């Protein structure tokens, strides 16, 4: 049975940080559900509208991975949602992967306590939002246990391949790198 991931889109999400993990994870054979926080069609920060698979309020289950794209105000919307928080806590408690990129680690995972005592990274101007309990790094992608964080749009492909490797195996990740001409 293939692994399952949910990518949640909120109005004002960063398009590259959302579409890249969706694409790469599907190429890796991961079953990806794209959930909309506030509707069936969600508009990104740069005016690209994406039709989601399901509204988050209709999603049931606990995926193997939860992916939270950055972008503003998308990250703020994710962080303000009790529904997103509850799903993240459920995924974490089940030992699943909680992944966030750009502004999302600061506005979501850090604010919910999921980064306490963990190494994490985010968009440079958002680092100041990390509580003192977070060990901030400037790594392009930071993995600490089941938590994966990344810096921004320019690191989205590395972020996505890291998730694919964690959800499948090194061979699948190597095949993705080779097929997509990634170093």
N, C-alpha and C. Protein backbone atom coordinates (compact mmCIF):
# COMPACT_ATOMS: atom_id res chain seq x y z
N UNK A 1 0.85 -1.19 0.00
CA UNK A 1 0.00 0.00 0.00
C UNK A 1 0.89 1.25 0.00
N UNK A 2 0.57 2.18 -0.88
CA UNK A 2 1.41 3.37 -0.97
C UNK A 2 1.14 4.32 0.20
N UNK A 3 2.14 5.11 0.48
CA UNK A 3 2.03 6.11 1.55
C UNK A 3 1.08 7.22 1.10
N UNK A 4 0.53 7.91 2.08
CA UNK A 4 -0.41 8.99 1.80
C UNK A 4 0.11 10.31 2.36
N UNK A 5 -0.06 11.36 1.59
CA UNK A 5 0.31 12.71 2.02
C UNK A 5 -0.85 13.65 1.74
N UNK A 6 -0.98 14.63 2.60
CA UNK A 6 -1.96 15.70 2.39
C UNK A 6 -1.21 17.02 2.32
N UNK A 7 -1.48 17.78 1.26
CA UNK A 7 -0.93 19.13 1.10
C UNK A 7 -2.12 20.07 1.27
N UNK A 8 -2.02 20.98 2.23
CA UNK A 8 -3.13 21.90 2.49
C UNK A 8 -2.82 23.27 1.87
N UNK A 9 -3.78 23.74 1.07
CA UNK A 9 -3.65 25.06 0.45
C UNK A 9 -4.61 26.03 1.12
N UNK A 10 -4.09 27.20 1.45
CA UNK A 10 -4.91 28.29 1.97
C UNK A 10 -4.71 29.48 1.06
N UNK A 11 -5.69 30.33 0.98
CA UNK A 11 -5.62 31.51 0.13
C UNK A 11 -4.33 32.27 0.38
N UNK A 12 -3.57 32.53 -0.70
CA UNK A 12 -2.30 33.24 -0.59
C UNK A 12 -1.11 32.32 -0.39
N UNK A 13 -1.26 31.03 -0.72
CA UNK A 13 -0.14 30.09 -0.62
C UNK A 13 0.91 30.39 -1.69
N UNK A 14 2.15 29.98 -1.44
CA UNK A 14 3.23 30.14 -2.42
C UNK A 14 3.13 28.98 -3.40
N UNK A 15 2.86 29.28 -4.65
CA UNK A 15 2.58 28.25 -5.65
C UNK A 15 3.70 27.23 -5.82
N UNK A 16 4.94 27.68 -5.96
CA UNK A 16 6.06 26.75 -6.16
C UNK A 16 6.18 25.78 -4.99
N UNK A 17 5.98 26.29 -3.78
CA UNK A 17 6.15 25.47 -2.58
C UNK A 17 5.02 24.48 -2.39
N UNK A 18 3.92 24.67 -3.08
CA UNK A 18 2.80 23.73 -3.01
C UNK A 18 2.85 22.72 -4.16
N UNK A 19 3.00 23.22 -5.37
CA UNK A 19 2.93 22.35 -6.54
C UNK A 19 4.14 21.42 -6.62
N UNK A 20 5.31 21.89 -6.25
CA UNK A 20 6.51 21.04 -6.34
C UNK A 20 6.37 19.77 -5.50
N UNK A 21 6.02 19.86 -4.20
CA UNK A 21 5.84 18.61 -3.44
C UNK A 21 4.71 17.72 -3.98
N UNK A 22 3.63 18.34 -4.44
CA UNK A 22 2.54 17.54 -5.01
C UNK A 22 3.06 16.73 -6.19
N UNK A 23 3.72 17.39 -7.11
CA UNK A 23 4.26 16.75 -8.31
C UNK A 23 5.29 15.67 -7.97
N UNK A 24 6.29 16.02 -7.17
CA UNK A 24 7.38 15.09 -6.86
C UNK A 24 6.86 13.88 -6.09
N UNK A 25 6.00 14.10 -5.11
CA UNK A 25 5.48 12.97 -4.34
C UNK A 25 4.63 12.04 -5.20
N UNK A 26 3.86 12.60 -6.11
CA UNK A 26 3.07 11.74 -7.02
C UNK A 26 4.00 10.96 -7.96
N UNK A 27 5.07 11.57 -8.42
CA UNK A 27 6.04 10.85 -9.24
C UNK A 27 6.66 9.70 -8.46
N UNK A 28 6.78 9.87 -7.13
CA UNK A 28 7.37 8.84 -6.27
C UNK A 28 6.38 7.74 -5.91
N UNK A 29 5.14 7.87 -6.35
CA UNK A 29 4.14 6.85 -6.05
C UNK A 29 3.38 7.08 -4.76
N UNK A 30 3.56 8.26 -4.16
CA UNK A 30 2.83 8.61 -2.95
C UNK A 30 1.44 9.08 -3.35
N UNK A 31 0.43 8.65 -2.62
CA UNK A 31 -0.94 9.08 -2.87
C UNK A 31 -1.11 10.46 -2.22
N UNK A 32 -1.22 11.50 -3.03
CA UNK A 32 -1.29 12.87 -2.53
C UNK A 32 -2.72 13.40 -2.66
N UNK A 33 -3.23 13.90 -1.55
CA UNK A 33 -4.51 14.59 -1.53
C UNK A 33 -4.23 16.07 -1.32
N UNK A 34 -4.78 16.89 -2.20
CA UNK A 34 -4.64 18.33 -2.06
C UNK A 34 -5.94 18.83 -1.42
N UNK A 35 -5.80 19.38 -0.22
CA UNK A 35 -6.97 19.83 0.54
C UNK A 35 -6.99 21.36 0.60
N UNK A 36 -8.17 21.92 0.42
CA UNK A 36 -8.34 23.36 0.48
C UNK A 36 -8.88 23.79 1.83
N UNK A 37 -8.24 24.78 2.42
CA UNK A 37 -8.67 25.27 3.72
C UNK A 37 -9.97 26.06 3.58
N UNK A 38 -10.07 26.83 2.53
CA UNK A 38 -11.21 27.75 2.42
C UNK A 38 -11.88 27.69 1.05
N UNK A 39 -12.22 26.48 0.63
CA UNK A 39 -12.93 26.34 -0.64
C UNK A 39 -12.37 25.25 -1.50
N UNK A 40 -12.95 25.12 -2.68
CA UNK A 40 -12.57 24.07 -3.63
C UNK A 40 -11.54 24.59 -4.64
N UNK A 41 -11.50 25.90 -4.85
CA UNK A 41 -10.49 26.53 -5.70
C UNK A 41 -9.78 27.58 -4.85
N UNK A 42 -8.47 27.41 -4.75
CA UNK A 42 -7.68 28.28 -3.87
C UNK A 42 -6.72 29.08 -4.74
N UNK A 43 -6.69 30.39 -4.52
CA UNK A 43 -5.79 31.26 -5.28
C UNK A 43 -4.51 31.49 -4.49
N UNK A 44 -3.39 31.29 -5.19
CA UNK A 44 -2.08 31.47 -4.59
C UNK A 44 -1.68 32.93 -4.49
N UNK A 45 -0.53 33.17 -3.90
CA UNK A 45 -0.02 34.52 -3.68
C UNK A 45 0.26 35.26 -4.98
N UNK A 46 0.46 34.52 -6.07
CA UNK A 46 0.79 35.14 -7.36
C UNK A 46 -0.32 34.96 -8.39
N UNK A 47 -1.54 34.77 -7.90
CA UNK A 47 -2.71 34.75 -8.77
C UNK A 47 -2.98 33.44 -9.49
N UNK A 48 -2.27 32.37 -9.16
CA UNK A 48 -2.53 31.07 -9.79
C UNK A 48 -3.55 30.34 -8.94
N UNK A 49 -4.68 29.99 -9.55
CA UNK A 49 -5.75 29.28 -8.84
C UNK A 49 -5.59 27.78 -9.03
N UNK A 50 -5.77 27.03 -7.96
CA UNK A 50 -5.64 25.57 -7.99
C UNK A 50 -6.93 24.95 -7.48
N UNK A 51 -7.46 24.03 -8.26
CA UNK A 51 -8.64 23.28 -7.81
C UNK A 51 -8.14 22.11 -6.96
N UNK A 52 -8.61 22.04 -5.73
CA UNK A 52 -8.16 21.02 -4.80
C UNK A 52 -8.99 19.74 -4.94
N UNK A 53 -8.47 18.66 -4.36
CA UNK A 53 -9.19 17.37 -4.40
C UNK A 53 -10.36 17.36 -3.43
N UNK A 54 -10.18 18.02 -2.29
CA UNK A 54 -11.19 17.98 -1.24
C UNK A 54 -11.05 19.21 -0.36
N UNK A 55 -12.13 19.66 0.20
CA UNK A 55 -12.04 20.71 1.21
C UNK A 55 -11.55 20.05 2.50
N UNK A 56 -10.72 20.73 3.24
CA UNK A 56 -10.16 20.15 4.45
C UNK A 56 -11.25 19.67 5.41
N UNK A 57 -12.34 20.41 5.50
CA UNK A 57 -13.42 20.02 6.41
C UNK A 57 -14.03 18.66 6.05
N UNK A 58 -13.83 18.21 4.82
CA UNK A 58 -14.35 16.92 4.37
C UNK A 58 -13.30 15.81 4.38
N UNK A 59 -12.06 16.15 4.71
CA UNK A 59 -10.99 15.15 4.72
C UNK A 59 -11.07 14.34 6.01
N UNK A 60 -10.97 13.04 5.86
CA UNK A 60 -10.97 12.14 7.01
C UNK A 60 -9.71 11.29 6.98
N UNK A 61 -9.21 10.97 8.14
CA UNK A 61 -8.05 10.10 8.21
C UNK A 61 -6.82 10.82 8.71
N UNK A 62 -5.76 10.03 8.85
CA UNK A 62 -4.47 10.56 9.29
C UNK A 62 -3.44 10.12 8.26
N UNK A 63 -2.93 11.04 7.46
CA UNK A 63 -1.96 10.68 6.43
C UNK A 63 -0.59 10.36 7.02
N UNK A 64 0.26 9.79 6.20
CA UNK A 64 1.65 9.53 6.60
C UNK A 64 2.46 10.81 6.63
N UNK A 65 2.02 11.82 5.88
CA UNK A 65 2.72 13.10 5.85
C UNK A 65 1.73 14.23 5.64
N UNK A 66 2.01 15.35 6.32
CA UNK A 66 1.26 16.58 6.14
C UNK A 66 2.23 17.62 5.63
N UNK A 67 1.89 18.29 4.53
CA UNK A 67 2.76 19.29 3.92
C UNK A 67 2.06 20.64 3.93
N UNK A 68 2.75 21.63 4.52
CA UNK A 68 2.20 22.97 4.64
C UNK A 68 3.07 23.95 3.84
N UNK A 69 2.57 24.41 2.69
CA UNK A 69 3.33 25.38 1.89
C UNK A 69 3.38 26.74 2.58
N UNK A 70 4.38 27.52 2.22
CA UNK A 70 4.50 28.86 2.76
C UNK A 70 3.73 29.86 1.93
N UNK A 71 4.24 31.07 1.93
CA UNK A 71 3.56 32.16 1.25
C UNK A 71 2.74 32.95 2.25
N UNK A 72 2.55 34.22 1.92
CA UNK A 72 1.72 35.07 2.77
C UNK A 72 0.63 35.69 1.92
N UNK A 73 -0.57 35.69 2.39
CA UNK A 73 -0.98 35.36 3.76
C UNK A 73 -1.32 33.89 3.99
N UNK A 74 -1.02 33.01 3.04
CA UNK A 74 -1.38 31.60 3.18
C UNK A 74 -0.92 30.96 4.48
N UNK A 75 0.34 31.20 4.86
CA UNK A 75 0.87 30.62 6.10
C UNK A 75 0.11 31.11 7.33
N UNK A 76 -0.27 32.38 7.30
CA UNK A 76 -1.04 32.92 8.43
C UNK A 76 -2.39 32.24 8.54
N UNK A 77 -3.02 32.00 7.38
CA UNK A 77 -4.32 31.32 7.39
C UNK A 77 -4.19 29.90 7.93
N UNK A 78 -3.14 29.19 7.50
CA UNK A 78 -2.92 27.83 8.01
C UNK A 78 -2.73 27.85 9.52
N UNK A 79 -1.89 28.77 10.00
CA UNK A 79 -1.58 28.86 11.42
C UNK A 79 -2.78 29.21 12.28
N UNK A 80 -3.72 29.95 11.72
CA UNK A 80 -4.91 30.37 12.47
C UNK A 80 -6.00 29.29 12.49
N UNK A 81 -5.82 28.23 11.72
CA UNK A 81 -6.86 27.21 11.60
C UNK A 81 -6.72 26.12 12.66
N UNK A 82 -7.73 25.97 13.49
CA UNK A 82 -7.75 24.88 14.47
C UNK A 82 -7.80 23.52 13.77
N UNK A 83 -8.46 23.48 12.63
CA UNK A 83 -8.57 22.25 11.86
C UNK A 83 -7.20 21.76 11.37
N UNK A 84 -6.39 22.69 10.87
CA UNK A 84 -5.05 22.35 10.41
C UNK A 84 -4.19 21.93 11.60
N UNK A 85 -4.29 22.68 12.69
CA UNK A 85 -3.53 22.37 13.90
C UNK A 85 -3.87 20.96 14.40
N UNK A 86 -5.15 20.64 14.49
CA UNK A 86 -5.57 19.32 14.96
C UNK A 86 -5.03 18.21 14.08
N UNK A 87 -5.04 18.43 12.76
CA UNK A 87 -4.51 17.41 11.85
C UNK A 87 -3.01 17.27 12.04
N UNK A 88 -2.30 18.37 12.18
CA UNK A 88 -0.85 18.32 12.39
C UNK A 88 -0.52 17.57 13.67
N UNK A 89 -1.22 17.86 14.74
CA UNK A 89 -0.97 17.17 16.01
C UNK A 89 -1.28 15.68 15.89
N UNK A 90 -2.34 15.35 15.17
CA UNK A 90 -2.70 13.93 14.95
C UNK A 90 -1.62 13.21 14.15
N UNK A 91 -1.12 13.84 13.09
CA UNK A 91 -0.06 13.25 12.28
C UNK A 91 1.19 13.05 13.13
N UNK A 92 1.56 14.07 13.89
CA UNK A 92 2.74 14.00 14.75
C UNK A 92 2.60 12.87 15.77
N UNK A 93 1.46 12.79 16.43
CA UNK A 93 1.25 11.76 17.45
C UNK A 93 1.28 10.36 16.86
N UNK A 94 0.91 10.23 15.58
CA UNK A 94 0.93 8.94 14.90
C UNK A 94 2.31 8.60 14.36
N UNK A 95 3.28 9.52 14.54
CA UNK A 95 4.63 9.30 14.04
C UNK A 95 4.81 9.64 12.58
N UNK A 96 3.83 10.34 12.00
CA UNK A 96 3.92 10.76 10.61
C UNK A 96 4.81 11.97 10.45
N UNK A 97 5.02 12.36 9.22
CA UNK A 97 5.89 13.49 8.88
C UNK A 97 5.07 14.77 8.87
N UNK A 98 5.54 15.78 9.59
CA UNK A 98 4.97 17.12 9.52
C UNK A 98 6.00 17.98 8.81
N UNK A 99 5.63 18.51 7.65
CA UNK A 99 6.57 19.25 6.81
C UNK A 99 6.01 20.64 6.52
N UNK A 100 6.89 21.63 6.58
CA UNK A 100 6.48 23.00 6.30
C UNK A 100 7.67 23.73 5.68
N UNK A 101 7.36 24.68 4.81
CA UNK A 101 8.38 25.40 4.06
C UNK A 101 8.11 26.90 4.10
N UNK A 102 9.18 27.68 4.04
CA UNK A 102 9.15 29.14 3.94
C UNK A 102 8.61 29.77 5.22
N UNK A 103 7.52 30.48 5.17
CA UNK A 103 6.93 31.10 6.36
C UNK A 103 6.16 30.10 7.20
N UNK A 104 5.74 29.00 6.60
CA UNK A 104 4.88 28.04 7.30
C UNK A 104 5.49 27.44 8.56
N UNK A 105 6.78 27.09 8.61
CA UNK A 105 7.29 26.54 9.88
C UNK A 105 7.07 27.51 11.05
N UNK A 106 7.26 28.80 10.82
CA UNK A 106 7.12 29.80 11.88
C UNK A 106 5.66 30.05 12.24
N UNK A 107 4.79 30.14 11.24
CA UNK A 107 3.38 30.45 11.49
C UNK A 107 2.55 29.25 11.92
N UNK A 108 3.05 28.03 11.69
CA UNK A 108 2.27 26.84 12.01
C UNK A 108 2.98 25.98 13.04
N UNK A 109 3.88 25.13 12.61
CA UNK A 109 4.50 24.13 13.47
C UNK A 109 5.12 24.72 14.73
N UNK A 110 5.83 25.84 14.60
CA UNK A 110 6.47 26.46 15.77
C UNK A 110 5.42 26.96 16.76
N UNK A 111 4.37 27.58 16.25
CA UNK A 111 3.34 28.13 17.12
C UNK A 111 2.53 27.05 17.83
N UNK A 112 2.51 25.85 17.25
CA UNK A 112 1.76 24.74 17.84
C UNK A 112 2.63 23.86 18.74
N UNK A 113 3.90 24.24 18.92
CA UNK A 113 4.79 23.49 19.80
C UNK A 113 5.46 22.30 19.16
N UNK A 114 5.24 22.06 17.88
CA UNK A 114 5.80 20.88 17.22
C UNK A 114 7.30 21.01 16.93
N UNK A 115 7.84 22.22 17.04
CA UNK A 115 9.27 22.42 16.80
C UNK A 115 10.06 22.56 18.11
N UNK A 116 9.39 22.47 19.23
CA UNK A 116 10.08 22.63 20.51
C UNK A 116 11.21 21.61 20.65
N UNK A 117 12.42 22.12 20.90
CA UNK A 117 13.58 21.26 21.07
C UNK A 117 14.11 20.67 19.77
N UNK A 118 13.56 21.09 18.65
CA UNK A 118 13.95 20.55 17.34
C UNK A 118 14.77 21.57 16.57
N UNK A 119 15.61 21.06 15.66
CA UNK A 119 16.27 21.91 14.67
C UNK A 119 15.28 22.16 13.55
N UNK A 120 15.17 23.42 13.15
CA UNK A 120 14.24 23.77 12.09
C UNK A 120 14.76 24.99 11.34
N UNK A 121 14.26 25.16 10.14
CA UNK A 121 14.62 26.30 9.31
C UNK A 121 13.34 26.89 8.74
N UNK A 122 13.45 28.10 8.22
CA UNK A 122 12.30 28.77 7.61
C UNK A 122 12.83 29.94 6.77
N UNK A 123 11.93 30.70 6.21
CA UNK A 123 12.33 31.88 5.45
C UNK A 123 13.06 32.84 6.39
N UNK A 124 14.18 33.41 5.94
CA UNK A 124 15.02 34.21 6.85
C UNK A 124 14.28 35.26 7.68
N UNK A 125 13.36 36.00 7.07
CA UNK A 125 12.69 37.05 7.84
C UNK A 125 11.68 36.52 8.85
N UNK A 126 11.41 35.23 8.81
CA UNK A 126 10.46 34.63 9.75
C UNK A 126 11.14 33.99 10.96
N UNK A 127 12.47 33.88 10.92
CA UNK A 127 13.19 33.22 12.02
C UNK A 127 12.90 33.86 13.37
N UNK A 128 12.69 35.16 13.37
CA UNK A 128 12.43 35.86 14.63
C UNK A 128 11.12 35.41 15.29
N UNK A 129 10.26 34.75 14.54
CA UNK A 129 9.01 34.23 15.09
C UNK A 129 9.20 32.90 15.82
N UNK A 130 10.33 32.25 15.59
CA UNK A 130 10.58 30.99 16.30
C UNK A 130 10.70 31.27 17.79
N UNK A 131 10.00 30.50 18.62
CA UNK A 131 10.22 30.62 20.06
C UNK A 131 11.64 30.18 20.41
N UNK A 132 12.12 30.56 21.58
CA UNK A 132 13.48 30.20 21.98
C UNK A 132 13.67 28.69 22.10
N UNK A 133 12.58 27.93 22.16
CA UNK A 133 12.67 26.47 22.26
C UNK A 133 13.05 25.80 20.94
N UNK A 134 13.06 26.56 19.84
CA UNK A 134 13.40 26.03 18.51
C UNK A 134 14.88 26.29 18.24
N UNK A 135 15.57 25.30 17.72
CA UNK A 135 16.98 25.44 17.35
C UNK A 135 17.01 25.81 15.87
N UNK A 136 17.13 27.10 15.61
CA UNK A 136 17.07 27.60 14.23
C UNK A 136 18.36 27.29 13.49
N UNK A 137 18.22 26.78 12.25
CA UNK A 137 19.36 26.56 11.37
C UNK A 137 19.12 27.35 10.08
N UNK A 138 20.17 27.47 9.29
CA UNK A 138 20.02 28.10 7.98
C UNK A 138 20.15 27.06 6.87
N UNK A 139 19.97 25.79 7.21
CA UNK A 139 20.03 24.73 6.20
C UNK A 139 18.89 24.90 5.21
N UNK A 140 19.14 24.51 3.98
CA UNK A 140 18.11 24.62 2.93
C UNK A 140 16.92 23.72 3.25
N UNK A 141 17.20 22.52 3.73
CA UNK A 141 16.19 21.59 4.20
C UNK A 141 16.71 21.05 5.53
N UNK A 142 15.86 21.03 6.53
CA UNK A 142 16.25 20.54 7.85
C UNK A 142 15.31 19.40 8.25
N UNK A 143 15.90 18.24 8.55
CA UNK A 143 15.13 17.11 9.05
C UNK A 143 15.52 16.88 10.49
N UNK A 144 14.53 16.80 11.36
CA UNK A 144 14.76 16.46 12.77
C UNK A 144 13.65 15.50 13.16
N UNK A 145 13.98 14.20 13.16
CA UNK A 145 12.97 13.18 13.43
C UNK A 145 11.92 13.19 12.34
N UNK A 146 10.67 13.37 12.74
CA UNK A 146 9.56 13.36 11.78
C UNK A 146 9.20 14.77 11.29
N UNK A 147 10.02 15.76 11.64
CA UNK A 147 9.76 17.14 11.23
C UNK A 147 10.69 17.52 10.09
N UNK A 148 10.13 18.07 9.01
CA UNK A 148 10.92 18.52 7.86
C UNK A 148 10.54 19.98 7.60
N UNK A 149 11.56 20.84 7.58
CA UNK A 149 11.33 22.25 7.29
C UNK A 149 12.29 22.70 6.19
N UNK A 150 11.91 23.79 5.52
CA UNK A 150 12.74 24.27 4.42
C UNK A 150 12.60 25.78 4.30
N UNK A 151 13.53 26.40 3.56
CA UNK A 151 13.69 27.86 3.53
C UNK A 151 12.70 28.61 2.64
N UNK A 152 12.42 28.11 1.42
CA UNK A 152 11.56 28.90 0.55
C UNK A 152 11.46 28.33 -0.85
N UNK A 153 10.93 29.13 -1.75
CA UNK A 153 10.65 28.67 -3.11
C UNK A 153 11.87 28.04 -3.78
N UNK A 154 13.05 28.60 -3.57
CA UNK A 154 14.27 28.09 -4.19
C UNK A 154 14.72 26.75 -3.64
N UNK A 155 14.14 26.32 -2.52
CA UNK A 155 14.52 25.02 -1.93
C UNK A 155 13.39 24.00 -2.05
N UNK A 156 12.34 24.34 -2.76
CA UNK A 156 11.15 23.48 -2.84
C UNK A 156 11.44 22.11 -3.43
N UNK A 157 12.32 22.04 -4.44
CA UNK A 157 12.62 20.75 -5.05
C UNK A 157 13.39 19.85 -4.09
N UNK A 158 14.37 20.40 -3.39
CA UNK A 158 15.11 19.62 -2.39
C UNK A 158 14.17 19.14 -1.28
N UNK A 159 13.30 20.02 -0.84
CA UNK A 159 12.29 19.72 0.18
C UNK A 159 11.43 18.54 -0.28
N UNK A 160 10.92 18.62 -1.49
CA UNK A 160 10.04 17.59 -2.03
C UNK A 160 10.76 16.24 -2.18
N UNK A 161 11.98 16.26 -2.66
CA UNK A 161 12.73 15.00 -2.83
C UNK A 161 13.06 14.40 -1.47
N UNK A 162 13.35 15.23 -0.48
CA UNK A 162 13.57 14.73 0.88
C UNK A 162 12.33 14.02 1.39
N UNK A 163 11.16 14.62 1.18
CA UNK A 163 9.91 14.00 1.60
C UNK A 163 9.68 12.69 0.86
N UNK A 164 9.95 12.69 -0.44
CA UNK A 164 9.78 11.47 -1.23
C UNK A 164 10.67 10.35 -0.70
N UNK A 165 11.91 10.69 -0.37
CA UNK A 165 12.83 9.68 0.16
C UNK A 165 12.33 9.14 1.50
N UNK A 166 11.85 10.03 2.36
CA UNK A 166 11.37 9.60 3.67
C UNK A 166 10.12 8.73 3.56
N UNK A 167 9.28 9.00 2.57
CA UNK A 167 8.04 8.25 2.41
C UNK A 167 8.21 6.97 1.59
N UNK A 168 9.30 6.90 0.83
CA UNK A 168 9.54 5.70 0.01
C UNK A 168 10.89 5.12 0.39
N UNK A 169 11.91 5.43 -0.39
CA UNK A 169 13.26 4.91 -0.10
C UNK A 169 14.29 5.71 -0.91
N UNK A 170 15.56 5.45 -0.63
CA UNK A 170 16.66 6.17 -1.29
C UNK A 170 16.67 5.89 -2.79
N UNK A 171 16.33 4.67 -3.19
CA UNK A 171 16.34 4.34 -4.63
C UNK A 171 15.33 5.18 -5.39
N UNK A 172 14.15 5.36 -4.82
CA UNK A 172 13.13 6.18 -5.47
C UNK A 172 13.61 7.63 -5.56
N UNK A 173 14.19 8.13 -4.48
CA UNK A 173 14.71 9.50 -4.49
C UNK A 173 15.82 9.66 -5.53
N UNK A 174 16.71 8.68 -5.61
CA UNK A 174 17.80 8.74 -6.60
C UNK A 174 17.24 8.73 -8.02
N UNK A 175 16.22 7.92 -8.24
CA UNK A 175 15.59 7.86 -9.55
C UNK A 175 14.94 9.19 -9.90
N UNK A 176 14.29 9.82 -8.93
CA UNK A 176 13.70 11.14 -9.15
C UNK A 176 14.76 12.16 -9.50
N UNK A 177 15.84 12.16 -8.73
CA UNK A 177 16.94 13.11 -9.00
C UNK A 177 17.47 12.93 -10.41
N UNK A 178 17.70 11.68 -10.79
CA UNK A 178 18.25 11.41 -12.12
C UNK A 178 17.25 11.82 -13.22
N UNK A 179 16.01 11.41 -13.07
CA UNK A 179 15.00 11.70 -14.09
C UNK A 179 14.67 13.16 -14.22
N UNK A 180 14.81 13.90 -13.11
CA UNK A 180 14.47 15.33 -13.11
C UNK A 180 15.72 16.21 -13.25
N UNK A 181 16.89 15.58 -13.47
CA UNK A 181 18.15 16.29 -13.64
C UNK A 181 18.51 17.16 -12.44
N UNK A 182 18.30 16.60 -11.25
CA UNK A 182 18.62 17.29 -10.00
C UNK A 182 19.95 16.76 -9.48
N UNK A 183 20.83 17.66 -9.08
CA UNK A 183 22.15 17.23 -8.55
C UNK A 183 21.98 16.51 -7.24
